[in-house]
Amino acid sequence: MAESVQEEAVVQALQVEHGETPTLIFTAEHLAAELLRSGRPKDHLRVNDLIRFKHVDMETFREIVRRNGLDAKWKQFVSRYELEE
């Protein structure tokens, strides 16, 4: 793990304009990975919603999870929310 999920998210963030202010936005995949990492129940509900409403590309998300050593947390999450891996 060379970087944290947050560091990786900043590097790969999308730049958008908010008014005249350039703003960095995390990808949905990085947001979901960071919420998964936190482990808080309310964050897990958000991850579940992001997945259920298809706001994340699962292949990209799983790669971020793998790269950041979150495999065990992902397996627990999948079991808890009865998702397909």
C-alpha atoms as a PDB file:
ATOM      1  CA  MET A   1       0.000   0.000   0.000  1.00  0.00           C
ATOM      2  CA  ALA A   2       1.945   2.992  -1.219  1.00  0.00           C
ATOM      3  CA  GLU A   3      -0.798   5.545  -0.634  1.00  0.00           C
ATOM      4  CA  SER A   4      -3.949   5.772   1.405  1.00  0.00           C
ATOM      5  CA  VAL A   5      -7.353   5.713  -0.251  1.00  0.00           C
ATOM      6  CA  GLN A   6      -7.606   9.453   0.427  1.00  0.00           C
ATOM      7  CA  GLU A   7      -4.235  10.241  -1.154  1.00  0.00           C
ATOM      8  CA  GLU A   8      -5.072   8.162  -4.205  1.00  0.00           C
ATOM      9  CA  ALA A   9      -8.488   9.827  -4.439  1.00  0.00           C
ATOM     10  CA  VAL A  10      -6.948  13.306  -4.449  1.00  0.00           C
ATOM     11  CA  VAL A  11      -4.452  12.364  -7.163  1.00  0.00           C
ATOM     12  CA  GLN A  12      -7.230  10.913  -9.349  1.00  0.00           C
ATOM     13  CA  ALA A  13      -9.921  13.476  -8.473  1.00  0.00           C
ATOM     14  CA  LEU A  14     -11.975  15.089 -11.194  1.00  0.00           C
ATOM     15  CA  GLN A  15     -11.632  18.851 -11.534  1.00  0.00           C
ATOM     16  CA  VAL A  16     -14.885  20.750 -12.012  1.00  0.00           C
ATOM     17  CA  GLU A  17     -15.786  24.408 -11.869  1.00  0.00           C
ATOM     18  CA  HIS A  18     -18.055  25.573  -9.055  1.00  0.00           C
ATOM     19  CA  GLY A  19     -18.901  29.058 -10.184  1.00  0.00           C
ATOM     20  CA  GLU A  20     -15.446  30.358 -11.001  1.00  0.00           C
ATOM     21  CA  THR A  21     -13.695  28.174  -8.453  1.00  0.00           C
ATOM     22  CA  PRO A  22     -11.911  25.021  -9.614  1.00  0.00           C
ATOM     23  CA  THR A  23     -12.877  22.163  -7.302  1.00  0.00           C
ATOM     24  CA  LEU A  24     -11.620  18.598  -6.980  1.00  0.00           C
ATOM     25  CA  ILE A  25     -14.255  15.856  -6.698  1.00  0.00           C
ATOM     26  CA  PHE A  26     -13.454  12.279  -5.652  1.00  0.00           C
ATOM     27  CA  THR A  27     -14.670   9.580  -8.009  1.00  0.00           C
ATOM     28  CA  ALA A  28     -17.619   7.562  -6.721  1.00  0.00           C
ATOM     29  CA  GLU A  29     -15.331   4.522  -6.562  1.00  0.00           C
ATOM     30  CA  HIS A  30     -12.826   6.280  -4.291  1.00  0.00           C
ATOM     31  CA  LEU A  31     -15.618   7.683  -2.138  1.00  0.00           C
ATOM     32  CA  ALA A  32     -17.090   4.201  -1.690  1.00  0.00           C
ATOM     33  CA  ALA A  33     -13.657   2.748  -0.833  1.00  0.00           C
ATOM     34  CA  GLU A  34     -13.013   5.454   1.765  1.00  0.00           C
ATOM     35  CA  LEU A  35     -16.459   4.901   3.293  1.00  0.00           C
ATOM     36  CA  LEU A  36     -15.771   1.156   3.382  1.00  0.00           C
ATOM     37  CA  ARG A  37     -12.404   1.803   5.053  1.00  0.00           C
ATOM     38  CA  SER A  38     -13.990   3.931   7.787  1.00  0.00           C
ATOM     39  CA  GLY A  39     -16.138   1.005   8.921  1.00  0.00           C
ATOM     40  CA  ARG A  40     -18.885   3.177  10.418  1.00  0.00           C
ATOM     41  CA  PRO A  41     -22.402   1.751  10.015  1.00  0.00           C
ATOM     42  CA  LYS A  42     -23.742   4.973   8.468  1.00  0.00           C
ATOM     43  CA  ASP A  43     -20.886   4.932   5.946  1.00  0.00           C
ATOM     44  CA  HIS A  44     -21.582   1.300   5.078  1.00  0.00           C
ATOM     45  CA  LEU A  45     -25.185   2.274   4.325  1.00  0.00           C
ATOM     46  CA  ARG A  46     -23.848   4.892   1.913  1.00  0.00           C
ATOM     47  CA  VAL A  47     -21.595   2.327   0.226  1.00  0.00           C
ATOM     48  CA  ASN A  48     -24.567   0.002  -0.121  1.00  0.00           C
ATOM     49  CA  ASP A  49     -26.594   2.790  -1.753  1.00  0.00           C
ATOM     50  CA  LEU A  50     -23.767   3.700  -4.142  1.00  0.00           C
ATOM     51  CA  ILE A  51     -23.552   0.073  -5.233  1.00  0.00           C
ATOM     52  CA  ARG A  52     -27.288  -0.613  -5.309  1.00  0.00           C
ATOM     53  CA  PHE A  53     -28.021   2.473  -7.420  1.00  0.00           C
ATOM     54  CA  LYS A  54     -25.087   1.642  -9.718  1.00  0.00           C
ATOM     55  CA  HIS A  55     -23.123   4.836  -9.086  1.00  0.00           C
ATOM     56  CA  VAL A  56     -19.831   2.936  -8.984  1.00  0.00           C
ATOM     57  CA  ASP A  57     -18.010   0.913 -11.594  1.00  0.00           C
ATOM     58  CA  MET A  58     -17.530  -2.326  -9.666  1.00  0.00           C
ATOM     59  CA  GLU A  59     -14.388  -3.381 -11.517  1.00  0.00           C
ATOM     60  CA  THR A  60     -12.686  -0.062 -10.707  1.00  0.00           C
ATOM     61  CA  PHE A  61     -13.983  -0.136  -7.126  1.00  0.00           C
ATOM     62  CA  ARG A  62     -12.714  -3.683  -6.523  1.00  0.00           C
ATOM     63  CA  GLU A  63      -9.288  -2.713  -7.874  1.00  0.00           C
ATOM     64  CA  ILE A  64      -9.136   0.249  -5.458  1.00  0.00           C
ATOM     65  CA  VAL A  65     -10.206  -2.059  -2.611  1.00  0.00           C
ATOM     66  CA  ARG A  66      -7.499  -4.582  -3.543  1.00  0.00           C
ATOM     67  CA  ARG A  67      -4.789  -1.962  -4.018  1.00  0.00           C
ATOM     68  CA  ASN A  68      -5.519  -0.426  -0.611  1.00  0.00           C
ATOM     69  CA  GLY A  69      -5.681  -3.648   1.389  1.00  0.00           C
ATOM     70  CA  LEU A  70      -9.417  -3.483   2.060  1.00  0.00           C
ATOM     71  CA  ASP A  71     -10.187  -7.043   0.928  1.00  0.00           C
ATOM     72  CA  ALA A  72     -11.160  -8.289   4.404  1.00  0.00           C
ATOM     73  CA  LYS A  73     -13.468  -5.318   4.984  1.00  0.00           C
ATOM     74  CA  TRP A  74     -15.018  -5.861   1.549  1.00  0.00           C
ATOM     75  CA  LYS A  75     -15.687  -9.549   2.274  1.00  0.00           C
ATOM     76  CA  GLN A  76     -17.365  -8.654   5.577  1.00  0.00           C
ATOM     77  CA  PHE A  77     -19.423  -5.982   3.819  1.00  0.00           C
ATOM     78  CA  VAL A  78     -20.515  -8.382   1.057  1.00  0.00           C
ATOM     79  CA  SER A  79     -21.573 -10.940   3.649  1.00  0.00           C
ATOM     80  CA  ARG A  80     -23.433  -8.418   5.785  1.00  0.00           C
ATOM     81  CA  TYR A  81     -25.388  -6.874   2.900  1.00  0.00           C
ATOM     82  CA  GLU A  82     -25.806 -10.158   1.010  1.00  0.00           C
ATOM     83  CA  LEU A  83     -24.147  -8.864  -2.157  1.00  0.00           C
ATOM     84  CA  GLU A  84     -22.500 -10.857  -4.914  1.00  0.00           C
ATOM     85  CA  GLU A  85     -18.744 -10.553  -5.074  1.00  0.00           C
END
